[in-house]
C-alpha atoms as a PDB file:
ATOM      1  CA  MET A   1       0.000   0.000   0.000  1.00  0.00           C
ATOM      2  CA  PRO A   2       1.180   3.474  -0.684  1.00  0.00           C
ATOM      3  CA  GLY A   3       2.536   5.328   2.340  1.00  0.00           C
ATOM      4  CA  GLU A   4       3.242   2.137   4.257  1.00  0.00           C
ATOM      5  CA  THR A   5       6.753   1.332   5.194  1.00  0.00           C
ATOM      6  CA  THR A   6       7.904  -2.183   5.549  1.00  0.00           C
ATOM      7  CA  ARG A   7      10.262  -2.990   8.292  1.00  0.00           C
ATOM      8  CA  GLN A   8      13.079  -5.316   7.456  1.00  0.00           C
ATOM      9  CA  THR A   9      14.598  -7.472  10.140  1.00  0.00           C
ATOM     10  CA  PRO A  10      18.362  -7.620  10.171  1.00  0.00           C
ATOM     11  CA  PRO A  11      19.868 -10.970   9.222  1.00  0.00           C
ATOM     12  CA  LEU A  12      20.751 -13.320  12.060  1.00  0.00           C
ATOM     13  CA  ARG A  13      24.307 -13.113  13.147  1.00  0.00           C
ATOM     14  CA  VAL A  14      25.939 -16.480  13.701  1.00  0.00           C
ATOM     15  CA  ARG A  15      28.866 -16.621  16.061  1.00  0.00           C
ATOM     16  CA  SER A  16      31.747 -18.859  15.187  1.00  0.00           C
ATOM     17  CA  ARG A  17      32.701 -19.520  18.818  1.00  0.00           C
ATOM     18  CA  PRO A  18      30.834 -19.521  22.124  1.00  0.00           C
ATOM     19  CA  ARG A  19      30.813 -16.362  24.202  1.00  0.00           C
ATOM     20  CA  TRP A  20      31.970 -18.097  27.376  1.00  0.00           C
ATOM     21  CA  ARG A  21      35.018 -20.145  28.154  1.00  0.00           C
ATOM     22  CA  CYS A  22      35.694 -22.668  30.863  1.00  0.00           C
ATOM     23  CA  PRO A  23      38.176 -20.989  33.185  1.00  0.00           C
ATOM     24  CA  THR A  24      41.301 -22.765  34.282  1.00  0.00           C
ATOM     25  CA  PRO A  25      42.041 -22.823  38.021  1.00  0.00           C
ATOM     26  CA  ALA A  26      44.152 -19.661  37.657  1.00  0.00           C
ATOM     27  CA  GLY A  27      41.724 -17.963  35.238  1.00  0.00           C
ATOM     28  CA  PRO A  28      41.826 -17.801  31.448  1.00  0.00           C
ATOM     29  CA  LEU A  29      45.167 -18.421  29.816  1.00  0.00           C
ATOM     30  CA  PRO A  30      47.029 -15.519  28.220  1.00  0.00           C
ATOM     31  CA  ARG A  31      46.662 -15.380  24.440  1.00  0.00           C
ATOM     32  CA  HIS A  32      50.217 -16.593  23.763  1.00  0.00           C
ATOM     33  CA  ARG A  33      49.696 -19.743  25.892  1.00  0.00           C
ATOM     34  CA  ARG A  34      46.301 -20.843  24.584  1.00  0.00           C
ATOM     35  CA  THR A  35      47.812 -23.266  22.121  1.00  0.00           C
ATOM     36  CA  VAL A  36      49.525 -25.270  24.887  1.00  0.00           C
ATOM     37  CA  ARG A  37      47.509 -28.358  25.762  1.00  0.00           C
ATOM     38  CA  GLN A  38      46.801 -28.667  29.447  1.00  0.00           C
ATOM     39  CA  GLU A  39      46.325 -31.936  31.267  1.00  0.00           C
ATOM     40  CA  ALA A  40      42.948 -32.477  32.842  1.00  0.00           C
ATOM     41  CA  PRO A  41      43.009 -32.697  36.642  1.00  0.00           C
ATOM     42  CA  MET A  42      43.186 -36.258  37.898  1.00  0.00           C
ATOM     43  CA  HIS A  43      40.281 -37.469  39.980  1.00  0.00           C
ATOM     44  CA  THR A  44      40.623 -40.406  42.359  1.00  0.00           C
ATOM     45  CA  THR A  45      38.179 -41.941  44.777  1.00  0.00           C
ATOM     46  CA  LYS A  46      39.056 -44.136  47.724  1.00  0.00           C
ATOM     47  CA  ARG A  47      36.837 -45.819  50.253  1.00  0.00           C
ATOM     48  CA  TRP A  48      37.985 -46.199  53.831  1.00  0.00           C
ATOM     49  CA  ASN A  49      35.944 -48.476  56.036  1.00  0.00           C
ATOM     50  CA  VAL A  50      35.857 -48.063  59.780  1.00  0.00           C
ATOM     51  CA  ASP A  51      34.721 -51.013  61.896  1.00  0.00           C
ATOM     52  CA  VAL A  52      32.887 -50.172  65.105  1.00  0.00           C
ATOM     53  CA  LEU A  53      32.541 -52.640  67.982  1.00  0.00           C
ATOM     54  CA  VAL A  54      30.370 -51.681  70.972  1.00  0.00           C
ATOM     55  CA  ASP A  55      30.275 -53.696  74.189  1.00  0.00           C
ATOM     56  CA  GLY A  56      28.180 -52.886  77.239  1.00  0.00           C
ATOM     57  CA  GLU A  57      28.053 -54.186  80.802  1.00  0.00           C
ATOM     58  CA  SER A  58      25.261 -53.505  83.231  1.00  0.00           C
ATOM     59  CA  ASP A  59      25.397 -54.107  86.971  1.00  0.00           C
ATOM     60  CA  GLY A  60      22.319 -52.889  88.781  1.00  0.00           C
ATOM     61  CA  ASP A  61      22.102 -49.114  88.556  1.00  0.00           C
ATOM     62  CA  SER A  62      25.517 -48.639  86.953  1.00  0.00           C
ATOM     63  CA  ALA A  63      26.555 -49.486  83.403  1.00  0.00           C
ATOM     64  CA  CYS A  64      29.762 -49.260  81.400  1.00  0.00           C
ATOM     65  CA  THR A  65      29.941 -49.134  77.607  1.00  0.00           C
ATOM     66  CA  ARG A  66      33.159 -49.621  75.658  1.00  0.00           C
ATOM     67  CA  ALA A  67      33.724 -48.979  71.967  1.00  0.00           C
ATOM     68  CA  GLU A  68      36.580 -49.847  69.653  1.00  0.00           C
ATOM     69  CA  VAL A  69      36.930 -48.517  66.123  1.00  0.00           C
ATOM     70  CA  GLY A  70      39.391 -49.865  63.598  1.00  0.00           C
ATOM     71  CA  LEU A  71      40.736 -48.551  60.312  1.00  0.00           C
ATOM     72  CA  VAL A  72      42.921 -50.554  57.917  1.00  0.00           C
ATOM     73  CA  ALA A  73      44.514 -48.452  55.173  1.00  0.00           C
ATOM     74  CA  ASP A  74      45.414 -49.632  51.667  1.00  0.00           C
ATOM     75  CA  ASP A  75      49.079 -49.910  52.648  1.00  0.00           C
ATOM     76  CA  GLY A  76      48.222 -52.231  55.558  1.00  0.00           C
ATOM     77  CA  THR A  77      48.481 -49.619  58.306  1.00  0.00           C
ATOM     78  CA  GLU A  78      46.065 -50.417  61.120  1.00  0.00           C
ATOM     79  CA  LEU A  79      44.770 -47.880  63.605  1.00  0.00           C
ATOM     80  CA  HIS A  80      42.450 -48.596  66.521  1.00  0.00           C
ATOM     81  CA  GLY A  81      40.638 -46.042  68.654  1.00  0.00           C
ATOM     82  CA  HIS A  82      39.096 -46.749  72.052  1.00  0.00           C
ATOM     83  CA  GLY A  83      36.350 -45.030  73.996  1.00  0.00           C
ATOM     84  CA  MET A  84      34.339 -45.634  77.147  1.00  0.00           C
ATOM     85  CA  ALA A  85      31.235 -44.235  78.845  1.00  0.00           C
ATOM     86  CA  ARG A  86      29.806 -44.894  82.308  1.00  0.00           C
ATOM     87  CA  LYS A  87      26.236 -44.459  83.441  1.00  0.00           C
ATOM     88  CA  HIS A  88      25.767 -42.649  86.705  1.00  0.00           C
ATOM     89  CA  PRO A  89      23.479 -44.569  89.098  1.00  0.00           C
ATOM     90  CA  MET A  90      21.054 -41.605  89.195  1.00  0.00           C
ATOM     91  CA  ASP A  91      20.749 -41.403  85.363  1.00  0.00           C
ATOM     92  CA  SER A  92      17.777 -42.946  83.585  1.00  0.00           C
ATOM     93  CA  ASP A  93      18.292 -46.181  81.682  1.00  0.00           C
ATOM     94  CA  ALA A  94      19.152 -45.126  78.089  1.00  0.00           C
ATOM     95  CA  PRO A  95      21.904 -47.410  76.768  1.00  0.00           C
ATOM     96  CA  GLU A  96      22.033 -45.641  73.393  1.00  0.00           C
ATOM     97  CA  ILE A  97      23.460 -42.543  75.104  1.00  0.00           C
ATOM     98  CA  GLY A  98      26.369 -44.552  76.505  1.00  0.00           C
ATOM     99  CA  GLU A  99      26.915 -46.149  73.096  1.00  0.00           C
ATOM    100  CA  GLU A 100      26.962 -42.765  71.371  1.00  0.00           C
ATOM    101  CA  LEU A 101      29.422 -41.341  73.883  1.00  0.00           C
ATOM    102  CA  ALA A 102      31.717 -44.375  73.769  1.00  0.00           C
ATOM    103  CA  VAL A 103      31.752 -44.482  69.945  1.00  0.00           C
ATOM    104  CA  SER A 104      32.335 -40.724  69.663  1.00  0.00           C
ATOM    105  CA  ARG A 105      35.276 -40.984  72.074  1.00  0.00           C
ATOM    106  CA  ALA A 106      36.697 -43.935  70.132  1.00  0.00           C
ATOM    107  CA  LEU A 107      36.390 -41.995  66.853  1.00  0.00           C
ATOM    108  CA  SER A 108      38.070 -39.011  68.478  1.00  0.00           C
ATOM    109  CA  ASP A 109      40.949 -41.257  69.563  1.00  0.00           C
ATOM    110  CA  LEU A 110      41.213 -42.662  66.025  1.00  0.00           C
ATOM    111  CA  SER A 111      41.186 -39.124  64.612  1.00  0.00           C
ATOM    112  CA  ARG A 112      44.077 -38.114  66.891  1.00  0.00           C
ATOM    113  CA  GLN A 113      46.096 -41.142  65.775  1.00  0.00           C
ATOM    114  CA  LEU A 114      45.390 -40.487  62.095  1.00  0.00           C
ATOM    115  CA  ARG A 115      46.499 -36.862  62.507  1.00  0.00           C
ATOM    116  CA  GLN A 116      49.715 -38.091  64.107  1.00  0.00           C
ATOM    117  CA  VAL A 117      50.383 -40.476  61.190  1.00  0.00           C
ATOM    118  CA  ALA A 118      49.785 -37.600  58.759  1.00  0.00           C
ATOM    119  CA  ALA A 119      52.217 -35.409  60.726  1.00  0.00           C
ATOM    120  CA  GLU A 120      54.889 -38.100  60.531  1.00  0.00           C
ATOM    121  CA  ASP A 121      54.294 -38.506  56.779  1.00  0.00           C
ATOM    122  CA  ILE A 122      54.566 -34.745  56.262  1.00  0.00           C
ATOM    123  CA  GLY A 123      57.843 -34.738  58.177  1.00  0.00           C
ATOM    124  CA  ASP A 124      59.177 -37.684  56.166  1.00  0.00           C
ATOM    125  CA  ASN A 125      58.246 -36.093  52.831  1.00  0.00           C
ATOM    126  CA  THR A 126      59.338 -32.521  53.527  1.00  0.00           C
ATOM    127  CA  GLY A 127      62.101 -32.965  56.060  1.00  0.00           C
ATOM    128  CA  ILE A 128      60.359 -30.372  58.231  1.00  0.00           C
ATOM    129  CA  PRO A 129      58.671 -31.642  61.382  1.00  0.00           C
ATOM    130  CA  TRP A 130      54.994 -30.806  61.675  1.00  0.00           C
ATOM    131  CA  ARG A 131      53.053 -30.914  64.915  1.00  0.00           C
ATOM    132  CA  PRO A 132      49.341 -31.583  64.661  1.00  0.00           C
ATOM    133  CA  THR A 133      47.096 -29.261  66.616  1.00  0.00           C
END
């Protein structure tokens, strides 16, 4: 129709590369280093199993619960943690509380030992003694 203007849509612009890039751990590489092929980070998964043994004794109003936890590493290193909990004669009878306390204390003992082994390994590998906190 006379007097009408037709509006033309601009042609679609196709990009030859994506707008985003996957950053490297230190950020994008400088332009002069982009041609260097980088190795992908290595991913490993290990499973460590901890065995928990809980033993309880009850004598009237008092009770004693002992726990032992054990960890055997891939290299054959064995660590064992020990924990104990006692029920006061005035406390209500809830053996699961003694079990929880004894196991948590055994795991804490195991944790301390594992930290000590790590400290010794750090010292052996670096030559600098490290004291766990």
